[in-house]
Amino acid sequence: MKKYLKKCLNGEEKLWKVFWLLNFLGGFIVSLLVTLAVFQFLATPILEITHNNKDLSFLLMHIPSILLGVTGLLFGIWYEIVALISLWKCSWNCKHKIWGYLARCFIFVSLIYGIFESTVEI
């Protein structure tokens, strides 16, 4: 996996592999795991505090799980950045250059969507 990521980040992998394996399949799996981690370890203790009027000691008891949720969230952000950089660098590694342009358009749309989604949910 480490060699594959290095190859992707150096722009040496084929576009279809980076798009379908790293961005699509890998992104789906990481997104699913991050969603579960954030909900289980981050959102649940915070919701308990806000909705059930728990005190600060309840929060202190759940610091390890909150840190695990934050770590999961940061891993998801890191993975998305690596995947998009790899897609950008490998976008011309295809037979027809239209796929490279479409890959770069996909990156632009993904970034705009991610920024919009993160600002709307806050």
N, C-alpha and C. Protein backbone atom coordinates (compact mmCIF):
# COMPACT_ATOMS: atom_id res chain seq x y z
N MET A 1 0.82 -1.20 0.00
CA MET A 1 0.00 0.00 0.00
C MET A 1 0.87 1.26 0.00
N LYS A 2 1.96 1.21 0.77
CA LYS A 2 2.85 2.36 0.85
C LYS A 2 3.49 2.65 -0.51
N LYS A 3 3.90 1.59 -1.21
CA LYS A 3 4.50 1.77 -2.54
C LYS A 3 3.47 2.33 -3.52
N TYR A 4 2.23 1.84 -3.40
CA TYR A 4 1.16 2.31 -4.29
C TYR A 4 0.89 3.80 -4.06
N LEU A 5 0.81 4.22 -2.80
CA LEU A 5 0.58 5.64 -2.51
C LEU A 5 1.75 6.50 -2.98
N LYS A 6 2.97 6.00 -2.81
CA LYS A 6 4.13 6.75 -3.26
C LYS A 6 4.11 6.91 -4.78
N LYS A 7 3.74 5.84 -5.46
CA LYS A 7 3.64 5.87 -6.92
C LYS A 7 2.55 6.86 -7.36
N CYS A 8 1.44 6.87 -6.65
CA CYS A 8 0.35 7.80 -6.97
C CYS A 8 0.78 9.25 -6.72
N LEU A 9 1.40 9.50 -5.59
CA LEU A 9 1.81 10.86 -5.25
C LEU A 9 2.92 11.39 -6.15
N ASN A 10 3.68 10.48 -6.75
CA ASN A 10 4.73 10.89 -7.69
C ASN A 10 4.20 11.06 -9.11
N GLY A 11 2.91 10.76 -9.32
CA GLY A 11 2.32 10.91 -10.64
C GLY A 11 2.70 9.81 -11.61
N GLU A 12 2.99 8.62 -11.09
CA GLU A 12 3.46 7.52 -11.92
C GLU A 12 2.42 6.44 -12.17
N GLU A 13 1.25 6.56 -11.59
CA GLU A 13 0.22 5.53 -11.72
C GLU A 13 -0.76 5.90 -12.83
N LYS A 14 -1.42 4.90 -13.37
CA LYS A 14 -2.41 5.15 -14.42
C LYS A 14 -3.62 5.86 -13.81
N LEU A 15 -4.21 6.73 -14.62
CA LEU A 15 -5.33 7.53 -14.15
C LEU A 15 -6.49 6.68 -13.68
N TRP A 16 -6.85 5.65 -14.43
CA TRP A 16 -8.01 4.86 -14.05
C TRP A 16 -7.82 4.20 -12.69
N LYS A 17 -6.60 3.79 -12.36
CA LYS A 17 -6.34 3.17 -11.06
C LYS A 17 -6.48 4.19 -9.93
N VAL A 18 -5.94 5.38 -10.17
CA VAL A 18 -6.03 6.42 -9.14
C VAL A 18 -7.48 6.84 -8.93
N PHE A 19 -8.21 7.01 -10.03
CA PHE A 19 -9.60 7.47 -9.90
C PHE A 19 -10.47 6.40 -9.25
N TRP A 20 -10.45 5.19 -9.80
CA TRP A 20 -11.39 4.16 -9.33
C TRP A 20 -10.95 3.48 -8.04
N LEU A 21 -9.66 3.23 -7.87
CA LEU A 21 -9.21 2.52 -6.67
C LEU A 21 -8.96 3.46 -5.50
N LEU A 22 -8.19 4.51 -5.73
CA LEU A 22 -7.83 5.41 -4.63
C LEU A 22 -8.97 6.38 -4.28
N ASN A 23 -9.52 7.04 -5.29
CA ASN A 23 -10.56 8.04 -5.03
C ASN A 23 -11.93 7.43 -4.78
N PHE A 24 -12.37 6.56 -5.67
CA PHE A 24 -13.74 6.07 -5.57
C PHE A 24 -13.87 4.97 -4.51
N LEU A 25 -13.20 3.85 -4.70
CA LEU A 25 -13.33 2.73 -3.76
C LEU A 25 -12.71 3.06 -2.41
N GLY A 26 -11.47 3.53 -2.42
CA GLY A 26 -10.80 3.90 -1.16
C GLY A 26 -11.51 5.03 -0.45
N GLY A 27 -11.97 6.02 -1.22
CA GLY A 27 -12.71 7.13 -0.62
C GLY A 27 -14.00 6.69 0.03
N PHE A 28 -14.69 5.74 -0.61
CA PHE A 28 -15.93 5.22 -0.03
C PHE A 28 -15.67 4.50 1.29
N ILE A 29 -14.65 3.64 1.29
CA ILE A 29 -14.32 2.88 2.51
C ILE A 29 -13.88 3.82 3.63
N VAL A 30 -13.00 4.76 3.33
CA VAL A 30 -12.53 5.71 4.34
C VAL A 30 -13.67 6.58 4.84
N SER A 31 -14.52 7.03 3.93
CA SER A 31 -15.67 7.85 4.33
C SER A 31 -16.59 7.08 5.27
N LEU A 32 -16.83 5.82 4.97
CA LEU A 32 -17.68 4.99 5.83
C LEU A 32 -17.05 4.83 7.21
N LEU A 33 -15.77 4.52 7.25
CA LEU A 33 -15.08 4.34 8.53
C LEU A 33 -15.02 5.64 9.34
N VAL A 34 -14.75 6.75 8.65
CA VAL A 34 -14.68 8.04 9.35
C VAL A 34 -16.06 8.42 9.89
N THR A 35 -17.10 8.19 9.11
CA THR A 35 -18.45 8.49 9.57
C THR A 35 -18.79 7.68 10.82
N LEU A 36 -18.47 6.41 10.80
CA LEU A 36 -18.72 5.56 11.97
C LEU A 36 -17.90 6.03 13.17
N ALA A 37 -16.63 6.34 12.94
CA ALA A 37 -15.76 6.78 14.05
C ALA A 37 -16.24 8.10 14.64
N VAL A 38 -16.58 9.03 13.77
CA VAL A 38 -17.03 10.34 14.26
C VAL A 38 -18.35 10.21 15.01
N PHE A 39 -19.27 9.43 14.46
CA PHE A 39 -20.56 9.28 15.14
C PHE A 39 -20.41 8.55 16.46
N GLN A 40 -19.67 7.45 16.44
CA GLN A 40 -19.53 6.64 17.65
C GLN A 40 -18.70 7.31 18.73
N PHE A 41 -17.56 7.85 18.35
CA PHE A 41 -16.61 8.32 19.35
C PHE A 41 -16.64 9.82 19.61
N LEU A 42 -17.20 10.59 18.69
CA LEU A 42 -17.17 12.04 18.85
C LEU A 42 -18.57 12.60 19.09
N ALA A 43 -19.50 12.25 18.24
CA ALA A 43 -20.83 12.83 18.34
C ALA A 43 -21.62 12.32 19.54
N THR A 44 -21.51 11.04 19.84
CA THR A 44 -22.30 10.47 20.93
C THR A 44 -22.00 11.13 22.27
N PRO A 45 -20.75 11.26 22.71
CA PRO A 45 -20.51 11.95 23.99
C PRO A 45 -20.95 13.40 23.99
N ILE A 46 -20.75 14.09 22.88
CA ILE A 46 -21.14 15.50 22.82
C ILE A 46 -22.65 15.64 22.87
N LEU A 47 -23.37 14.77 22.17
CA LEU A 47 -24.83 14.80 22.22
C LEU A 47 -25.34 14.47 23.62
N GLU A 48 -24.69 13.55 24.30
CA GLU A 48 -25.08 13.21 25.67
C GLU A 48 -24.95 14.42 26.58
N ILE A 49 -23.89 15.19 26.40
CA ILE A 49 -23.66 16.36 27.24
C ILE A 49 -24.71 17.43 26.95
N THR A 50 -24.97 17.69 25.67
CA THR A 50 -25.87 18.79 25.33
C THR A 50 -27.34 18.46 25.56
N HIS A 51 -27.74 17.23 25.32
CA HIS A 51 -29.17 16.90 25.43
C HIS A 51 -29.57 16.36 26.79
N ASN A 52 -28.66 15.80 27.54
CA ASN A 52 -29.01 15.23 28.84
C ASN A 52 -28.42 16.00 30.01
N ASN A 53 -27.95 17.19 29.73
CA ASN A 53 -27.40 18.09 30.76
C ASN A 53 -26.35 17.41 31.62
N LYS A 54 -25.46 16.67 30.97
CA LYS A 54 -24.36 16.05 31.71
C LYS A 54 -23.34 17.14 32.04
N ASP A 55 -22.60 16.91 33.11
CA ASP A 55 -21.61 17.92 33.51
C ASP A 55 -20.26 17.65 32.85
N LEU A 56 -19.30 18.48 33.20
CA LEU A 56 -17.98 18.42 32.59
C LEU A 56 -17.25 17.12 32.91
N SER A 57 -17.54 16.53 34.06
CA SER A 57 -16.87 15.27 34.42
C SER A 57 -17.22 14.17 33.42
N PHE A 58 -18.44 14.21 32.89
CA PHE A 58 -18.84 13.23 31.87
C PHE A 58 -17.97 13.39 30.63
N LEU A 59 -17.70 14.63 30.25
CA LEU A 59 -16.85 14.91 29.11
C LEU A 59 -15.43 14.42 29.37
N LEU A 60 -14.90 14.67 30.55
CA LEU A 60 -13.55 14.24 30.88
C LEU A 60 -13.41 12.72 30.84
N MET A 61 -14.48 12.00 31.20
CA MET A 61 -14.45 10.54 31.16
C MET A 61 -14.35 10.04 29.72
N HIS A 62 -14.85 10.82 28.78
CA HIS A 62 -14.89 10.39 27.38
C HIS A 62 -13.81 11.02 26.51
N ILE A 63 -12.78 11.60 27.10
CA ILE A 63 -11.71 12.21 26.32
C ILE A 63 -11.03 11.20 25.38
N PRO A 64 -10.73 9.96 25.82
CA PRO A 64 -10.12 9.02 24.88
C PRO A 64 -10.99 8.75 23.65
N SER A 65 -12.28 8.59 23.85
CA SER A 65 -13.15 8.32 22.69
C SER A 65 -13.28 9.56 21.81
N ILE A 66 -13.30 10.74 22.41
CA ILE A 66 -13.36 11.97 21.62
C ILE A 66 -12.08 12.13 20.79
N LEU A 67 -10.94 11.83 21.40
CA LEU A 67 -9.68 11.90 20.66
C LEU A 67 -9.65 10.89 19.51
N LEU A 68 -10.23 9.73 19.74
CA LEU A 68 -10.32 8.73 18.68
C LEU A 68 -11.19 9.24 17.53
N GLY A 69 -12.29 9.89 17.85
CA GLY A 69 -13.14 10.46 16.81
C GLY A 69 -12.46 11.57 16.04
N VAL A 70 -11.73 12.43 16.73
CA VAL A 70 -10.99 13.51 16.08
C VAL A 70 -9.89 12.92 15.20
N THR A 71 -9.21 11.88 15.69
CA THR A 71 -8.18 11.22 14.89
C THR A 71 -8.77 10.64 13.62
N GLY A 72 -9.93 10.01 13.73
CA GLY A 72 -10.61 9.47 12.55
C GLY A 72 -10.96 10.57 11.55
N LEU A 73 -11.43 11.68 12.06
CA LEU A 73 -11.78 12.80 11.20
C LEU A 73 -10.54 13.36 10.50
N LEU A 74 -9.45 13.51 11.21
CA LEU A 74 -8.21 14.00 10.61
C LEU A 74 -7.65 13.02 9.59
N PHE A 75 -7.79 11.71 9.85
CA PHE A 75 -7.36 10.72 8.88
C PHE A 75 -8.16 10.83 7.59
N GLY A 76 -9.46 11.03 7.72
CA GLY A 76 -10.31 11.20 6.54
C GLY A 76 -9.91 12.41 5.71
N ILE A 77 -9.60 13.51 6.37
CA ILE A 77 -9.17 14.72 5.67
C ILE A 77 -7.83 14.46 4.98
N TRP A 78 -6.89 13.82 5.70
CA TRP A 78 -5.59 13.49 5.11
C TRP A 78 -5.77 12.60 3.88
N TYR A 79 -6.61 11.59 3.98
CA TYR A 79 -6.81 10.67 2.87
C TYR A 79 -7.37 11.40 1.65
N GLU A 80 -8.33 12.26 1.88
CA GLU A 80 -8.94 13.00 0.76
C GLU A 80 -7.91 13.90 0.08
N ILE A 81 -7.06 14.54 0.86
CA ILE A 81 -6.01 15.39 0.28
C ILE A 81 -5.04 14.56 -0.55
N VAL A 82 -4.60 13.43 -0.01
CA VAL A 82 -3.68 12.54 -0.74
C VAL A 82 -4.34 12.05 -2.03
N ALA A 83 -5.61 11.66 -1.95
CA ALA A 83 -6.31 11.14 -3.12
C ALA A 83 -6.44 12.21 -4.21
N LEU A 84 -6.78 13.42 -3.83
CA LEU A 84 -6.95 14.48 -4.83
C LEU A 84 -5.61 14.92 -5.42
N ILE A 85 -4.57 14.99 -4.60
CA ILE A 85 -3.24 15.32 -5.13
C ILE A 85 -2.78 14.24 -6.10
N SER A 86 -3.01 12.99 -5.74
CA SER A 86 -2.63 11.88 -6.63
C SER A 86 -3.40 11.94 -7.93
N LEU A 87 -4.68 12.24 -7.84
CA LEU A 87 -5.50 12.35 -9.04
C LEU A 87 -4.99 13.48 -9.94
N TRP A 88 -4.63 14.59 -9.35
CA TRP A 88 -4.11 15.72 -10.12
C TRP A 88 -2.80 15.35 -10.82
N LYS A 89 -1.89 14.74 -10.08
CA LYS A 89 -0.58 14.41 -10.64
C LYS A 89 -0.64 13.30 -11.69
N CYS A 90 -1.62 12.41 -11.58
CA CYS A 90 -1.74 11.29 -12.52
C CYS A 90 -2.78 11.55 -13.61
N SER A 91 -3.30 12.75 -13.67
CA SER A 91 -4.42 13.01 -14.59
C SER A 91 -4.05 12.85 -16.07
N TRP A 92 -2.78 12.99 -16.42
CA TRP A 92 -2.41 12.85 -17.84
C TRP A 92 -1.90 11.45 -18.18
N ASN A 93 -1.96 10.53 -17.23
CA ASN A 93 -1.50 9.16 -17.47
C ASN A 93 -2.64 8.32 -18.05
N CYS A 94 -3.09 8.71 -19.23
CA CYS A 94 -4.17 8.01 -19.91
C CYS A 94 -4.00 8.17 -21.42
N LYS A 95 -4.72 7.37 -22.20
CA LYS A 95 -4.58 7.44 -23.66
C LYS A 95 -5.23 8.70 -24.24
N HIS A 96 -6.40 9.04 -23.75
CA HIS A 96 -7.14 10.19 -24.28
C HIS A 96 -7.11 11.32 -23.26
N LYS A 97 -6.61 12.46 -23.68
CA LYS A 97 -6.40 13.60 -22.78
C LYS A 97 -7.71 14.15 -22.21
N ILE A 98 -8.84 13.84 -22.83
CA ILE A 98 -10.13 14.31 -22.29
C ILE A 98 -10.35 13.78 -20.88
N TRP A 99 -9.84 12.55 -20.62
CA TRP A 99 -9.98 11.98 -19.28
C TRP A 99 -9.17 12.77 -18.26
N GLY A 100 -8.04 13.30 -18.68
CA GLY A 100 -7.24 14.14 -17.79
C GLY A 100 -7.96 15.44 -17.44
N TYR A 101 -8.58 16.05 -18.46
CA TYR A 101 -9.36 17.26 -18.20
C TYR A 101 -10.55 16.97 -17.30
N LEU A 102 -11.23 15.85 -17.53
CA LEU A 102 -12.36 15.48 -16.69
C LEU A 102 -11.93 15.19 -15.26
N ALA A 103 -10.76 14.56 -15.10
CA ALA A 103 -10.24 14.28 -13.76
C ALA A 103 -9.96 15.58 -13.01
N ARG A 104 -9.40 16.54 -13.71
CA ARG A 104 -9.10 17.82 -13.06
C ARG A 104 -10.38 18.61 -12.76
N CYS A 105 -11.37 18.49 -13.62
CA CYS A 105 -12.68 19.09 -13.32
C CYS A 105 -13.30 18.44 -12.09
N PHE A 106 -13.15 17.12 -11.99
CA PHE A 106 -13.65 16.38 -10.82
C PHE A 106 -13.00 16.89 -9.54
N ILE A 107 -11.69 17.15 -9.60
CA ILE A 107 -10.98 17.68 -8.43
C ILE A 107 -11.54 19.03 -8.03
N PHE A 108 -11.73 19.90 -9.01
CA PHE A 108 -12.27 21.23 -8.74
C PHE A 108 -13.66 21.15 -8.11
N VAL A 109 -14.52 20.32 -8.68
CA VAL A 109 -15.88 20.17 -8.15
C VAL A 109 -15.83 19.57 -6.74
N SER A 110 -14.95 18.60 -6.51
CA SER A 110 -14.82 17.99 -5.18
C SER A 110 -14.39 19.01 -4.14
N LEU A 111 -13.44 19.87 -4.51
CA LEU A 111 -12.98 20.89 -3.57
C LEU A 111 -14.09 21.91 -3.26
N ILE A 112 -14.78 22.36 -4.29
CA ILE A 112 -15.88 23.31 -4.07
C ILE A 112 -16.97 22.69 -3.21
N TYR A 113 -17.32 21.45 -3.51
CA TYR A 113 -18.35 20.74 -2.74
C TYR A 113 -17.89 20.57 -1.29
N GLY A 114 -16.63 20.18 -1.08
CA GLY A 114 -16.12 19.99 0.28
C GLY A 114 -16.12 21.28 1.09
N ILE A 115 -15.74 22.37 0.46
CA ILE A 115 -15.75 23.67 1.15
C ILE A 115 -17.18 24.08 1.46
N PHE A 116 -18.07 23.93 0.49
CA PHE A 116 -19.46 24.29 0.71
C PHE A 116 -20.09 23.43 1.81
N GLU A 117 -19.85 22.13 1.76
CA GLU A 117 -20.42 21.23 2.74
C GLU A 117 -19.92 21.53 4.15
N SER A 118 -18.64 21.82 4.28
CA SER A 118 -18.09 22.09 5.61
C SER A 118 -18.56 23.43 6.17
N THR A 119 -18.81 24.41 5.32
CA THR A 119 -19.27 25.70 5.84
C THR A 119 -20.77 25.70 6.12
N VAL A 120 -21.53 24.91 5.40
CA VAL A 120 -22.97 24.87 5.62
C VAL A 120 -23.29 24.13 6.90
N GLU A 121 -22.54 23.08 7.24
CA GLU A 121 -22.84 22.28 8.42
C GLU A 121 -22.41 22.93 9.72
N ILE A 122 -21.58 23.95 9.64
CA ILE A 122 -21.10 24.60 10.87
C ILE A 122 -22.14 25.46 11.47
